[in-house]
Amino acid sequence: MNKGLKIFLIILLVLIGVIVIDTIQAIVCNNSPLLHIREHINRCNEKDYIDKGIIVNHYNCNNESKTLFKSTKYNCVVCYNNN
């Protein structure tokens, strides 16, 4: 096998391994994945956010945390201000 192909496969397997380990730790520990983009939710509390990972999303709404797969439908509870 070509040396360049071996290096490419090793790098590809390491990247896949990092993504899998990151997803597993997020699900098991119910916390944000390390590789994520944070999206703030402007509702009643400015501390509410969604951390969008590669395979899972971590929702922090009303001081409750949930880590779910991207295919799962989930909405935070909406509260309204009368101001």
PDB file of N, CA and C in Angstrom:
ATOM      1  N   MET A   1       0.842  -1.173   0.000  1.00  0.00           N
ATOM      2  CA  MET A   1       0.000   0.000   0.000  1.00  0.00           C
ATOM      3  C   MET A   1       0.892   1.242   0.000  1.00  0.00           C
ATOM      4  N   ASN A   2       0.447   2.255  -0.668  1.00  0.00           N
ATOM      5  CA  ASN A   2       1.186   3.508  -0.797  1.00  0.00           C
ATOM      6  C   ASN A   2       1.305   4.202   0.570  1.00  0.00           C
ATOM      7  N   LYS A   3       2.454   4.832   0.834  1.00  0.00           N
ATOM      8  CA  LYS A   3       2.702   5.499   2.107  1.00  0.00           C
ATOM      9  C   LYS A   3       1.721   6.658   2.317  1.00  0.00           C
ATOM     10  N   GLY A   4       1.424   7.402   1.287  1.00  0.00           N
ATOM     11  CA  GLY A   4       0.480   8.517   1.384  1.00  0.00           C
ATOM     12  C   GLY A   4      -0.924   8.049   1.736  1.00  0.00           C
ATOM     13  N   LEU A   5      -1.317   6.902   1.163  1.00  0.00           N
ATOM     14  CA  LEU A   5      -2.637   6.345   1.444  1.00  0.00           C
ATOM     15  C   LEU A   5      -2.725   5.884   2.896  1.00  0.00           C
ATOM     16  N   LYS A   6      -1.657   5.291   3.419  1.00  0.00           N
ATOM     17  CA  LYS A   6      -1.631   4.859   4.813  1.00  0.00           C
ATOM     18  C   LYS A   6      -1.781   6.046   5.756  1.00  0.00           C
ATOM     19  N   ILE A   7      -1.064   7.117   5.476  1.00  0.00           N
ATOM     20  CA  ILE A   7      -1.150   8.317   6.320  1.00  0.00           C
ATOM     21  C   ILE A   7      -2.555   8.899   6.266  1.00  0.00           C
ATOM     22  N   PHE A   8      -3.148   8.952   5.077  1.00  0.00           N
ATOM     23  CA  PHE A   8      -4.509   9.458   4.925  1.00  0.00           C
ATOM     24  C   PHE A   8      -5.505   8.616   5.725  1.00  0.00           C
ATOM     25  N   LEU A   9      -5.395   7.295   5.652  1.00  0.00           N
ATOM     26  CA  LEU A   9      -6.300   6.413   6.382  1.00  0.00           C
ATOM     27  C   LEU A   9      -6.129   6.556   7.891  1.00  0.00           C
ATOM     28  N   ILE A  10      -4.897   6.701   8.352  1.00  0.00           N
ATOM     29  CA  ILE A  10      -4.642   6.882   9.789  1.00  0.00           C
ATOM     30  C   ILE A  10      -5.280   8.182  10.270  1.00  0.00           C
ATOM     31  N   ILE A  11      -5.103   9.257   9.530  1.00  0.00           N
ATOM     32  CA  ILE A  11      -5.687  10.544   9.915  1.00  0.00           C
ATOM     33  C   ILE A  11      -7.212  10.458   9.902  1.00  0.00           C
ATOM     34  N   LEU A  12      -7.782   9.813   8.894  1.00  0.00           N
ATOM     35  CA  LEU A  12      -9.228   9.660   8.799  1.00  0.00           C
ATOM     36  C   LEU A  12      -9.771   8.857   9.981  1.00  0.00           C
ATOM     37  N   LEU A  13      -9.106   7.763  10.342  1.00  0.00           N
ATOM     38  CA  LEU A  13      -9.551   6.944  11.467  1.00  0.00           C
ATOM     39  C   LEU A  13      -9.434   7.693  12.789  1.00  0.00           C
ATOM     40  N   VAL A  14      -8.400   8.494  12.952  1.00  0.00           N
ATOM     41  CA  VAL A  14      -8.250   9.288  14.176  1.00  0.00           C
ATOM     42  C   VAL A  14      -9.374  10.312  14.284  1.00  0.00           C
ATOM     43  N   LEU A  15      -9.712  10.984  13.185  1.00  0.00           N
ATOM     44  CA  LEU A  15     -10.801  11.959  13.201  1.00  0.00           C
ATOM     45  C   LEU A  15     -12.137  11.299  13.531  1.00  0.00           C
ATOM     46  N   ILE A  16     -12.402  10.154  12.936  1.00  0.00           N
ATOM     47  CA  ILE A  16     -13.642   9.427  13.225  1.00  0.00           C
ATOM     48  C   ILE A  16     -13.659   8.989  14.689  1.00  0.00           C
ATOM     49  N   GLY A  17     -12.532   8.545  15.202  1.00  0.00           N
ATOM     50  CA  GLY A  17     -12.441   8.142  16.608  1.00  0.00           C
ATOM     51  C   GLY A  17     -12.709   9.300  17.561  1.00  0.00           C
ATOM     52  N   VAL A  18     -12.177  10.480  17.248  1.00  0.00           N
ATOM     53  CA  VAL A  18     -12.407  11.654  18.094  1.00  0.00           C
ATOM     54  C   VAL A  18     -13.887  12.017  18.100  1.00  0.00           C
ATOM     55  N   ILE A  19     -14.526  11.972  16.947  1.00  0.00           N
ATOM     56  CA  ILE A  19     -15.954  12.301  16.859  1.00  0.00           C
ATOM     57  C   ILE A  19     -16.790  11.293  17.646  1.00  0.00           C
ATOM     58  N   VAL A  20     -16.472  10.004  17.543  1.00  0.00           N
ATOM     59  CA  VAL A  20     -17.218   8.968  18.253  1.00  0.00           C
ATOM     60  C   VAL A  20     -17.025   9.111  19.766  1.00  0.00           C
ATOM     61  N   ILE A  21     -15.799   9.323  20.217  1.00  0.00           N
ATOM     62  CA  ILE A  21     -15.532   9.480  21.649  1.00  0.00           C
ATOM     63  C   ILE A  21     -16.217  10.734  22.187  1.00  0.00           C
ATOM     64  N   ASP A  22     -16.191  11.821  21.421  1.00  0.00           N
ATOM     65  CA  ASP A  22     -16.849  13.057  21.817  1.00  0.00           C
ATOM     66  C   ASP A  22     -18.353  12.851  21.963  1.00  0.00           C
ATOM     67  N   THR A  23     -18.959  12.124  21.041  1.00  0.00           N
ATOM     68  CA  THR A  23     -20.395  11.852  21.099  1.00  0.00           C
ATOM     69  C   THR A  23     -20.741  10.972  22.290  1.00  0.00           C
ATOM     70  N   ILE A  24     -19.952   9.943  22.527  1.00  0.00           N
ATOM     71  CA  ILE A  24     -20.211   9.032  23.646  1.00  0.00           C
ATOM     72  C   ILE A  24     -20.116   9.761  24.981  1.00  0.00           C
ATOM     73  N   GLN A  25     -19.074  10.601  25.161  1.00  0.00           N
ATOM     74  CA  GLN A  25     -18.944  11.306  26.434  1.00  0.00           C
ATOM     75  C   GLN A  25     -20.073  12.303  26.632  1.00  0.00           C
ATOM     76  N   ALA A  26     -20.575  12.907  25.562  1.00  0.00           N
ATOM     77  CA  ALA A  26     -21.678  13.860  25.688  1.00  0.00           C
ATOM     78  C   ALA A  26     -22.965  13.151  26.096  1.00  0.00           C
ATOM     79  N   ILE A  27     -23.222  11.974  25.547  1.00  0.00           N
ATOM     80  CA  ILE A  27     -24.445  11.241  25.870  1.00  0.00           C
ATOM     81  C   ILE A  27     -24.374  10.646  27.274  1.00  0.00           C
ATOM     82  N   VAL A  28     -23.264  10.006  27.602  1.00  0.00           N
ATOM     83  CA  VAL A  28     -23.139   9.338  28.898  1.00  0.00           C
ATOM     84  C   VAL A  28     -23.142  10.347  30.046  1.00  0.00           C
ATOM     85  N   CYS A  29     -22.405  11.432  29.905  1.00  0.00           N
ATOM     86  CA  CYS A  29     -22.289  12.431  30.976  1.00  0.00           C
ATOM     87  C   CYS A  29     -23.355  13.514  30.900  1.00  0.00           C
ATOM     88  N   ASN A  30     -24.194  13.507  29.889  1.00  0.00           N
ATOM     89  CA  ASN A  30     -25.245  14.496  29.667  1.00  0.00           C
ATOM     90  C   ASN A  30     -24.677  15.924  29.719  1.00  0.00           C
ATOM     91  N   ASN A  31     -23.640  16.158  28.932  1.00  0.00           N
ATOM     92  CA  ASN A  31     -23.071  17.497  28.830  1.00  0.00           C
ATOM     93  C   ASN A  31     -22.797  17.833  27.373  1.00  0.00           C
ATOM     94  N   SER A  32     -22.269  19.019  27.150  1.00  0.00           N
ATOM     95  CA  SER A  32     -22.019  19.493  25.792  1.00  0.00           C
ATOM     96  C   SER A  32     -20.881  18.721  25.142  1.00  0.00           C
ATOM     97  N   PRO A  33     -20.993  18.462  23.845  1.00  0.00           N
ATOM     98  CA  PRO A  33     -19.852  17.872  23.139  1.00  0.00           C
ATOM     99  C   PRO A  33     -18.715  18.887  23.049  1.00  0.00           C
ATOM    100  N   LEU A  34     -17.502  18.398  22.971  1.00  0.00           N
ATOM    101  CA  LEU A  34     -16.353  19.302  22.890  1.00  0.00           C
ATOM    102  C   LEU A  34     -16.327  20.067  21.575  1.00  0.00           C
ATOM    103  N   LEU A  35     -16.736  19.415  20.511  1.00  0.00           N
ATOM    104  CA  LEU A  35     -16.787  20.043  19.192  1.00  0.00           C
ATOM    105  C   LEU A  35     -18.214  20.521  18.951  1.00  0.00           C
ATOM    106  N   HIS A  36     -18.477  21.798  19.235  1.00  0.00           N
ATOM    107  CA  HIS A  36     -19.829  22.306  19.120  1.00  0.00           C
ATOM    108  C   HIS A  36     -19.844  23.772  18.707  1.00  0.00           C
ATOM    109  N   ILE A  37     -21.026  24.207  18.296  1.00  0.00           N
ATOM    110  CA  ILE A  37     -21.303  25.618  18.027  1.00  0.00           C
ATOM    111  C   ILE A  37     -22.469  25.987  18.933  1.00  0.00           C
ATOM    112  N   ARG A  38     -22.304  27.058  19.726  1.00  0.00           N
ATOM    113  CA  ARG A  38     -23.337  27.466  20.672  1.00  0.00           C
ATOM    114  C   ARG A  38     -24.293  28.460  20.030  1.00  0.00           C
ATOM    115  N   GLU A  39     -25.588  28.182  20.192  1.00  0.00           N
ATOM    116  CA  GLU A  39     -26.644  29.065  19.701  1.00  0.00           C
ATOM    117  C   GLU A  39     -27.493  29.486  20.896  1.00  0.00           C
ATOM    118  N   HIS A  40     -27.516  30.780  21.191  1.00  0.00           N
ATOM    119  CA  HIS A  40     -28.306  31.281  22.315  1.00  0.00           C
ATOM    120  C   HIS A  40     -29.769  31.383  21.915  1.00  0.00           C
ATOM    121  N   ILE A  41     -30.629  31.044  22.861  1.00  0.00           N
ATOM    122  CA  ILE A  41     -32.062  31.112  22.648  1.00  0.00           C
ATOM    123  C   ILE A  41     -32.560  32.340  23.387  1.00  0.00           C
ATOM    124  N   ASN A  42     -33.144  33.276  22.691  1.00  0.00           N
ATOM    125  CA  ASN A  42     -33.659  34.485  23.318  1.00  0.00           C
ATOM    126  C   ASN A  42     -35.091  34.252  23.762  1.00  0.00           C
ATOM    127  N   ARG A  43     -35.205  33.782  24.949  1.00  0.00           N
ATOM    128  CA  ARG A  43     -36.530  33.579  25.536  1.00  0.00           C
ATOM    129  C   ARG A  43     -36.539  34.347  26.853  1.00  0.00           C
ATOM    130  N   CYS A  44     -37.089  33.816  27.890  1.00  0.00           N
ATOM    131  CA  CYS A  44     -37.157  34.527  29.173  1.00  0.00           C
ATOM    132  C   CYS A  44     -35.795  34.633  29.842  1.00  0.00           C
ATOM    133  N   ASN A  45     -34.943  33.671  29.597  1.00  0.00           N
ATOM    134  CA  ASN A  45     -33.650  33.627  30.270  1.00  0.00           C
ATOM    135  C   ASN A  45     -32.553  33.655  29.220  1.00  0.00           C
ATOM    136  N   GLU A  46     -31.631  34.577  29.354  1.00  0.00           N
ATOM    137  CA  GLU A  46     -30.538  34.673  28.376  1.00  0.00           C
ATOM    138  C   GLU A  46     -29.500  33.576  28.547  1.00  0.00           C
ATOM    139  N   LYS A  47     -29.609  32.787  29.594  1.00  0.00           N
ATOM    140  CA  LYS A  47     -28.666  31.697  29.822  1.00  0.00           C
ATOM    141  C   LYS A  47     -29.050  30.427  29.072  1.00  0.00           C
ATOM    142  N   ASP A  48     -30.183  30.434  28.414  1.00  0.00           N
ATOM    143  CA  ASP A  48     -30.624  29.269  27.648  1.00  0.00           C
ATOM    144  C   ASP A  48     -29.861  29.193  26.333  1.00  0.00           C
ATOM    145  N   TYR A  49     -29.422  27.989  25.973  1.00  0.00           N
ATOM    146  CA  TYR A  49     -28.655  27.825  24.743  1.00  0.00           C
ATOM    147  C   TYR A  49     -28.765  26.397  24.225  1.00  0.00           C
ATOM    148  N   ILE A  50     -28.347  26.230  22.981  1.00  0.00           N
ATOM    149  CA  ILE A  50     -28.213  24.908  22.366  1.00  0.00           C
ATOM    150  C   ILE A  50     -26.774  24.791  21.874  1.00  0.00           C
ATOM    151  N   ASP A  51     -26.093  23.729  22.285  1.00  0.00           N
ATOM    152  CA  ASP A  51     -24.769  23.423  21.759  1.00  0.00           C
ATOM    153  C   ASP A  51     -24.951  22.390  20.658  1.00  0.00           C
ATOM    154  N   LYS A  52     -24.710  22.804  19.424  1.00  0.00           N
ATOM    155  CA  LYS A  52     -24.905  21.929  18.277  1.00  0.00           C
ATOM    156  C   LYS A  52     -23.596  21.224  17.944  1.00  0.00           C
ATOM    157  N   GLY A  53     -23.560  19.921  18.208  1.00  0.00           N
ATOM    158  CA  GLY A  53     -22.394  19.124  17.901  1.00  0.00           C
ATOM    159  C   GLY A  53     -22.524  18.475  16.537  1.00  0.00           C
ATOM    160  N   ILE A  54     -21.634  17.551  16.234  1.00  0.00           N
ATOM    161  CA  ILE A  54     -21.637  16.887  14.939  1.00  0.00           C
ATOM    162  C   ILE A  54     -22.753  15.847  14.863  1.00  0.00           C
ATOM    163  N   ILE A  55     -22.948  15.084  15.954  1.00  0.00           N
ATOM    164  CA  ILE A  55     -23.959  14.031  15.962  1.00  0.00           C
ATOM    165  C   ILE A  55     -25.055  14.310  16.986  1.00  0.00           C
ATOM    166  N   VAL A  56     -24.740  15.030  18.064  1.00  0.00           N
ATOM    167  CA  VAL A  56     -25.710  15.302  19.126  1.00  0.00           C
ATOM    168  C   VAL A  56     -25.856  16.798  19.369  1.00  0.00           C
ATOM    169  N   ASN A  57     -26.996  17.166  19.956  1.00  0.00           N
ATOM    170  CA  ASN A  57     -27.235  18.533  20.414  1.00  0.00           C
ATOM    171  C   ASN A  57     -27.440  18.501  21.923  1.00  0.00           C
ATOM    172  N   HIS A  58     -26.917  19.531  22.598  1.00  0.00           N
ATOM    173  CA  HIS A  58     -27.100  19.655  24.046  1.00  0.00           C
ATOM    174  C   HIS A  58     -27.967  20.875  24.297  1.00  0.00           C
ATOM    175  N   TYR A  59     -29.126  20.659  24.933  1.00  0.00           N
ATOM    176  CA  TYR A  59     -30.078  21.727  25.214  1.00  0.00           C
ATOM    177  C   TYR A  59     -29.961  22.125  26.678  1.00  0.00           C
ATOM    178  N   ASN A  60     -29.831  23.419  26.951  1.00  0.00           N
ATOM    179  CA  ASN A  60     -29.848  23.941  28.308  1.00  0.00           C
ATOM    180  C   ASN A  60     -30.970  24.970  28.363  1.00  0.00           C
ATOM    181  N   CYS A  61     -32.119  24.536  28.844  1.00  0.00           N
ATOM    182  CA  CYS A  61     -33.313  25.379  28.881  1.00  0.00           C
ATOM    183  C   CYS A  61     -33.890  25.372  30.285  1.00  0.00           C
ATOM    184  N   ASN A  62     -34.111  26.559  30.841  1.00  0.00           N
ATOM    185  CA  ASN A  62     -34.716  26.699  32.174  1.00  0.00           C
ATOM    186  C   ASN A  62     -33.977  25.867  33.221  1.00  0.00           C
ATOM    187  N   ASN A  63     -32.657  25.924  33.195  1.00  0.00           N
ATOM    188  CA  ASN A  63     -31.779  25.198  34.128  1.00  0.00           C
ATOM    189  C   ASN A  63     -31.934  23.683  34.040  1.00  0.00           C
ATOM    190  N   GLU A  64     -32.397  23.176  32.924  1.00  0.00           N
ATOM    191  CA  GLU A  64     -32.463  21.746  32.669  1.00  0.00           C
ATOM    192  C   GLU A  64     -31.594  21.426  31.472  1.00  0.00           C
ATOM    193  N   SER A  65     -30.835  20.348  31.559  1.00  0.00           N
ATOM    194  CA  SER A  65     -29.923  19.957  30.480  1.00  0.00           C
ATOM    195  C   SER A  65     -30.360  18.631  29.880  1.00  0.00           C
ATOM    196  N   LYS A  66     -30.298  18.560  28.555  1.00  0.00           N
ATOM    197  CA  LYS A  66     -30.584  17.310  27.848  1.00  0.00           C
ATOM    198  C   LYS A  66     -29.638  17.208  26.669  1.00  0.00           C
ATOM    199  N   THR A  67     -29.082  16.032  26.476  1.00  0.00           N
ATOM    200  CA  THR A  67     -28.249  15.744  25.317  1.00  0.00           C
ATOM    201  C   THR A  67     -28.972  14.702  24.484  1.00  0.00           C
ATOM    202  N   LEU A  68     -29.285  15.066  23.242  1.00  0.00           N
ATOM    203  CA  LEU A  68     -30.060  14.204  22.361  1.00  0.00           C
ATOM    204  C   LEU A  68     -29.424  14.129  20.984  1.00  0.00           C
ATOM    205  N   PHE A  69     -29.705  13.045  20.271  1.00  0.00           N
ATOM    206  CA  PHE A  69     -29.239  12.933  18.903  1.00  0.00           C
ATOM    207  C   PHE A  69     -29.928  13.979  18.041  1.00  0.00           C
ATOM    208  N   LYS A  70     -29.290  14.386  16.956  1.00  0.00           N
ATOM    209  CA  LYS A  70     -29.847  15.415  16.076  1.00  0.00           C
ATOM    210  C   LYS A  70     -31.184  15.001  15.465  1.00  0.00           C
ATOM    211  N   SER A  71     -31.402  13.718  15.275  1.00  0.00           N
ATOM    212  CA  SER A  71     -32.641  13.256  14.653  1.00  0.00           C
ATOM    213  C   SER A  71     -33.838  13.358  15.599  1.00  0.00           C
ATOM    214  N   THR A  72     -33.604  13.552  16.906  1.00  0.00           N
ATOM    215  CA  THR A  72     -34.671  13.643  17.883  1.00  0.00           C
ATOM    216  C   THR A  72     -35.252  15.053  17.892  1.00  0.00           C
ATOM    217  N   LYS A  73     -36.565  15.150  17.839  1.00  0.00           N
ATOM    218  CA  LYS A  73     -37.241  16.447  17.892  1.00  0.00           C
ATOM    219  C   LYS A  73     -37.387  16.867  19.353  1.00  0.00           C
ATOM    220  N   TYR A  74     -36.942  18.084  19.685  1.00  0.00           N
ATOM    221  CA  TYR A  74     -37.045  18.599  21.050  1.00  0.00           C
ATOM    222  C   TYR A  74     -37.166  20.114  20.998  1.00  0.00           C
ATOM    223  N   ASN A  75     -38.092  20.654  21.766  1.00  0.00           N
ATOM    224  CA  ASN A  75     -38.261  22.094  21.879  1.00  0.00           C
ATOM    225  C   ASN A  75     -38.220  22.478  23.343  1.00  0.00           C
ATOM    226  N   CYS A  76     -37.560  23.573  23.630  1.00  0.00           N
ATOM    227  CA  CYS A  76     -37.528  24.086  24.991  1.00  0.00           C
ATOM    228  C   CYS A  76     -38.889  24.677  25.330  1.00  0.00           C
ATOM    229  N   VAL A  77     -39.210  24.666  26.611  1.00  0.00           N
ATOM    230  CA  VAL A  77     -40.472  25.243  27.057  1.00  0.00           C
ATOM    231  C   VAL A  77     -40.408  26.744  26.885  1.00  0.00           C
ATOM    232  N   VAL A  78     -41.412  27.299  26.245  1.00  0.00           N
ATOM    233  CA  VAL A  78     -41.451  28.729  25.972  1.00  0.00           C
ATOM    234  C   VAL A  78     -42.177  29.429  27.123  1.00  0.00           C
ATOM    235  N   CYS A  79     -41.579  30.493  27.625  1.00  0.00           N
ATOM    236  CA  CYS A  79     -42.264  31.322  28.598  1.00  0.00           C
ATOM    237  C   CYS A  79     -42.344  32.741  28.050  1.00  0.00           C
ATOM    238  N   TYR A  80     -43.364  33.430  28.407  1.00  0.00           N
ATOM    239  CA  TYR A  80     -43.603  34.759  27.845  1.00  0.00           C
ATOM    240  C   TYR A  80     -43.535  35.812  28.934  1.00  0.00           C
ATOM    241  N   ASN A  81     -42.947  36.940  28.601  1.00  0.00           N
ATOM    242  CA  ASN A  81     -42.934  38.096  29.492  1.00  0.00           C
ATOM    243  C   ASN A  81     -44.100  38.999  29.131  1.00  0.00           C
ATOM    244  N   ASN A  82     -44.732  39.541  30.119  1.00  0.00           N
ATOM    245  CA  ASN A  82     -45.851  40.449  29.871  1.00  0.00           C
ATOM    246  C   ASN A  82     -45.414  41.911  29.792  1.00  0.00           C
ATOM    247  N   ASN A  83     -44.128  42.154  29.661  1.00  0.00           N
ATOM    248  CA  ASN A  83     -43.604  43.525  29.601  1.00  0.00           C
ATOM    249  C   ASN A  83     -43.842  44.137  28.249  1.00  0.00           C
TER     250      ASN A  83
END
